[in-house]
Amino acid sequence: MLVLSRRTKEQICIGEGITVTVLGIQGGRVRLGIQAPREVDVNRQEVCGLKTRPKICSEYEVLVPQFAE
């Protein structure tokens, strides 16, 4: 697992055409914006199991108590 540190408004690029932006950090939660091509499914981990075919899963909010302000 690759672990990266980012601040608000900083980005992470994944492959070609996928960008994850840290929109904000508040109350132990990270708010993420994900830009990806239409053919790439982006879902929260808890809804991935509800789909009939495998999906690429992403968390929209991640609990990170060490970043709480």
N, C-alpha and C. Protein backbone atom coordinates (compact mmCIF):
# COMPACT_ATOMS: atom_id res chain seq x y z
N MET A 1 0.85 -1.17 0.00
CA MET A 1 0.00 0.00 0.00
C MET A 1 0.90 1.24 0.00
N LEU A 2 0.61 2.14 -0.88
CA LEU A 2 1.30 3.42 -0.93
C LEU A 2 0.57 4.40 -0.02
N VAL A 3 1.28 5.05 0.88
CA VAL A 3 0.68 6.03 1.79
C VAL A 3 1.23 7.40 1.43
N LEU A 4 0.35 8.35 1.13
CA LEU A 4 0.74 9.70 0.75
C LEU A 4 0.12 10.72 1.69
N SER A 5 0.83 11.79 1.93
CA SER A 5 0.29 12.90 2.71
C SER A 5 -0.02 14.04 1.76
N ARG A 6 -1.20 14.62 1.90
CA ARG A 6 -1.63 15.74 1.06
C ARG A 6 -2.32 16.76 1.93
N ARG A 7 -2.25 18.01 1.54
CA ARG A 7 -2.97 19.09 2.21
C ARG A 7 -4.19 19.45 1.37
N THR A 8 -5.05 20.29 1.93
CA THR A 8 -6.23 20.74 1.20
C THR A 8 -5.82 21.34 -0.14
N LYS A 9 -6.56 21.00 -1.18
CA LYS A 9 -6.38 21.43 -2.56
C LYS A 9 -5.20 20.77 -3.28
N GLU A 10 -4.48 19.87 -2.61
CA GLU A 10 -3.42 19.13 -3.29
C GLU A 10 -4.02 17.89 -3.92
N GLN A 11 -3.33 17.35 -4.92
CA GLN A 11 -3.88 16.25 -5.72
C GLN A 11 -2.96 15.04 -5.75
N ILE A 12 -3.57 13.91 -6.12
CA ILE A 12 -2.87 12.66 -6.38
C ILE A 12 -3.35 12.19 -7.75
N CYS A 13 -2.43 11.81 -8.62
CA CYS A 13 -2.78 11.28 -9.94
C CYS A 13 -2.62 9.77 -9.91
N ILE A 14 -3.61 9.06 -10.47
CA ILE A 14 -3.58 7.60 -10.54
C ILE A 14 -3.69 7.22 -12.01
N GLY A 15 -2.64 6.65 -12.55
CA GLY A 15 -2.67 6.24 -13.95
C GLY A 15 -2.95 7.43 -14.85
N GLU A 16 -3.62 7.15 -15.96
CA GLU A 16 -3.97 8.20 -16.93
C GLU A 16 -5.41 8.64 -16.71
N GLY A 17 -5.62 9.91 -16.44
CA GLY A 17 -6.96 10.45 -16.39
C GLY A 17 -7.69 10.35 -15.07
N ILE A 18 -7.04 9.88 -14.01
CA ILE A 18 -7.70 9.82 -12.70
C ILE A 18 -6.96 10.75 -11.75
N THR A 19 -7.70 11.70 -11.18
CA THR A 19 -7.12 12.67 -10.24
C THR A 19 -7.97 12.70 -8.98
N VAL A 20 -7.31 12.61 -7.84
CA VAL A 20 -7.98 12.71 -6.54
C VAL A 20 -7.50 14.01 -5.89
N THR A 21 -8.46 14.87 -5.51
CA THR A 21 -8.14 16.15 -4.90
C THR A 21 -8.67 16.18 -3.47
N VAL A 22 -7.84 16.61 -2.54
CA VAL A 22 -8.29 16.80 -1.15
C VAL A 22 -9.05 18.12 -1.11
N LEU A 23 -10.36 18.04 -0.92
CA LEU A 23 -11.21 19.24 -0.90
C LEU A 23 -11.25 19.89 0.46
N GLY A 24 -11.12 19.09 1.50
CA GLY A 24 -11.16 19.66 2.84
C GLY A 24 -10.93 18.60 3.90
N ILE A 25 -10.53 19.06 5.07
CA ILE A 25 -10.32 18.20 6.22
C ILE A 25 -11.06 18.85 7.38
N GLN A 26 -12.01 18.10 7.97
CA GLN A 26 -12.82 18.68 9.04
C GLN A 26 -13.34 17.58 9.94
N GLY A 27 -13.20 17.77 11.23
CA GLY A 27 -13.76 16.83 12.19
C GLY A 27 -13.29 15.40 12.02
N GLY A 28 -12.04 15.18 11.68
CA GLY A 28 -11.53 13.82 11.52
C GLY A 28 -11.92 13.16 10.22
N ARG A 29 -12.47 13.91 9.28
CA ARG A 29 -12.86 13.37 7.98
C ARG A 29 -12.17 14.13 6.86
N VAL A 30 -11.85 13.40 5.81
CA VAL A 30 -11.24 14.00 4.63
C VAL A 30 -12.28 13.98 3.52
N ARG A 31 -12.50 15.11 2.88
CA ARG A 31 -13.44 15.20 1.77
C ARG A 31 -12.62 15.18 0.48
N LEU A 32 -12.92 14.20 -0.39
CA LEU A 32 -12.16 13.99 -1.62
C LEU A 32 -13.00 14.28 -2.85
N GLY A 33 -12.38 14.84 -3.86
CA GLY A 33 -12.99 14.99 -5.18
C GLY A 33 -12.26 14.05 -6.12
N ILE A 34 -12.99 13.26 -6.89
CA ILE A 34 -12.37 12.28 -7.78
C ILE A 34 -12.80 12.55 -9.20
N GLN A 35 -11.83 12.79 -10.08
CA GLN A 35 -12.10 12.94 -11.51
C GLN A 35 -11.57 11.70 -12.19
N ALA A 36 -12.45 11.05 -12.97
CA ALA A 36 -12.06 9.82 -13.67
C ALA A 36 -12.85 9.72 -14.97
N PRO A 37 -12.32 8.99 -15.95
CA PRO A 37 -13.07 8.78 -17.19
C PRO A 37 -14.39 8.07 -16.89
N ARG A 38 -15.37 8.27 -17.75
CA ARG A 38 -16.70 7.65 -17.57
C ARG A 38 -16.65 6.14 -17.43
N GLU A 39 -15.72 5.50 -18.12
CA GLU A 39 -15.65 4.04 -18.10
C GLU A 39 -15.07 3.49 -16.79
N VAL A 40 -14.57 4.35 -15.92
CA VAL A 40 -14.03 3.93 -14.63
C VAL A 40 -15.10 4.15 -13.57
N ASP A 41 -15.53 3.07 -12.93
CA ASP A 41 -16.52 3.18 -11.85
C ASP A 41 -15.82 3.60 -10.57
N VAL A 42 -16.39 4.56 -9.89
CA VAL A 42 -15.85 5.03 -8.61
C VAL A 42 -16.99 4.95 -7.60
N ASN A 43 -16.80 4.14 -6.55
CA ASN A 43 -17.83 3.94 -5.53
C ASN A 43 -17.19 3.88 -4.16
N ARG A 44 -18.00 4.12 -3.14
CA ARG A 44 -17.54 3.90 -1.77
C ARG A 44 -17.38 2.40 -1.56
N GLN A 45 -16.48 2.03 -0.67
CA GLN A 45 -16.20 0.62 -0.41
C GLN A 45 -17.45 -0.15 0.01
N GLU A 46 -18.32 0.45 0.80
CA GLU A 46 -19.49 -0.28 1.31
C GLU A 46 -20.54 -0.56 0.24
N VAL A 47 -20.54 0.14 -0.89
CA VAL A 47 -21.51 -0.16 -1.95
C VAL A 47 -20.92 -1.04 -3.03
N CYS A 48 -19.64 -1.31 -2.99
CA CYS A 48 -19.02 -2.17 -4.01
C CYS A 48 -19.59 -3.58 -3.97
N GLY A 49 -19.86 -4.11 -2.79
CA GLY A 49 -20.39 -5.45 -2.66
C GLY A 49 -21.82 -5.58 -3.16
N LEU A 50 -22.53 -4.48 -3.36
CA LEU A 50 -23.91 -4.52 -3.82
C LEU A 50 -24.01 -4.61 -5.33
N LYS A 51 -22.93 -4.39 -6.04
CA LYS A 51 -22.92 -4.43 -7.50
C LYS A 51 -22.71 -5.87 -7.97
N THR A 52 -23.15 -6.18 -9.17
CA THR A 52 -23.04 -7.54 -9.68
C THR A 52 -21.68 -7.85 -10.29
N ARG A 53 -20.93 -6.83 -10.69
CA ARG A 53 -19.60 -7.08 -11.25
C ARG A 53 -18.56 -6.30 -10.45
N PRO A 54 -17.30 -6.74 -10.50
CA PRO A 54 -16.26 -6.04 -9.72
C PRO A 54 -16.16 -4.58 -10.11
N LYS A 55 -15.90 -3.74 -9.14
CA LYS A 55 -15.79 -2.30 -9.36
C LYS A 55 -14.49 -1.79 -8.77
N ILE A 56 -14.06 -0.65 -9.25
CA ILE A 56 -12.95 0.06 -8.61
C ILE A 56 -13.58 0.88 -7.50
N CYS A 57 -13.09 0.71 -6.29
CA CYS A 57 -13.71 1.35 -5.13
C CYS A 57 -12.84 2.47 -4.58
N SER A 58 -13.50 3.52 -4.16
CA SER A 58 -12.80 4.64 -3.54
C SER A 58 -13.65 5.16 -2.40
N GLU A 59 -13.01 5.58 -1.36
CA GLU A 59 -13.70 6.19 -0.23
C GLU A 59 -13.84 7.67 -0.51
N TYR A 60 -15.02 8.23 -0.28
CA TYR A 60 -15.21 9.66 -0.43
C TYR A 60 -14.79 10.40 0.83
N GLU A 61 -15.05 9.77 1.98
CA GLU A 61 -14.63 10.37 3.24
C GLU A 61 -13.86 9.30 4.01
N VAL A 62 -12.70 9.67 4.51
CA VAL A 62 -11.84 8.74 5.23
C VAL A 62 -11.59 9.31 6.62
N LEU A 63 -11.81 8.49 7.64
CA LEU A 63 -11.56 8.94 9.01
C LEU A 63 -10.06 9.00 9.25
N VAL A 64 -9.57 10.15 9.63
CA VAL A 64 -8.15 10.33 9.92
C VAL A 64 -8.01 11.23 11.16
N PRO A 65 -8.17 10.65 12.34
CA PRO A 65 -8.14 11.45 13.56
C PRO A 65 -6.88 12.30 13.72
N GLN A 66 -5.74 11.85 13.23
CA GLN A 66 -4.52 12.62 13.41
C GLN A 66 -4.54 13.93 12.64
N PHE A 67 -5.46 14.11 11.67
CA PHE A 67 -5.55 15.35 10.91
C PHE A 67 -6.62 16.29 11.46
N ALA A 68 -7.35 15.85 12.48
CA ALA A 68 -8.42 16.69 13.02
C ALA A 68 -7.83 18.00 13.52
N GLU A 69 -8.53 19.08 13.20
CA GLU A 69 -8.04 20.40 13.60
C GLU A 69 -8.60 20.81 14.94
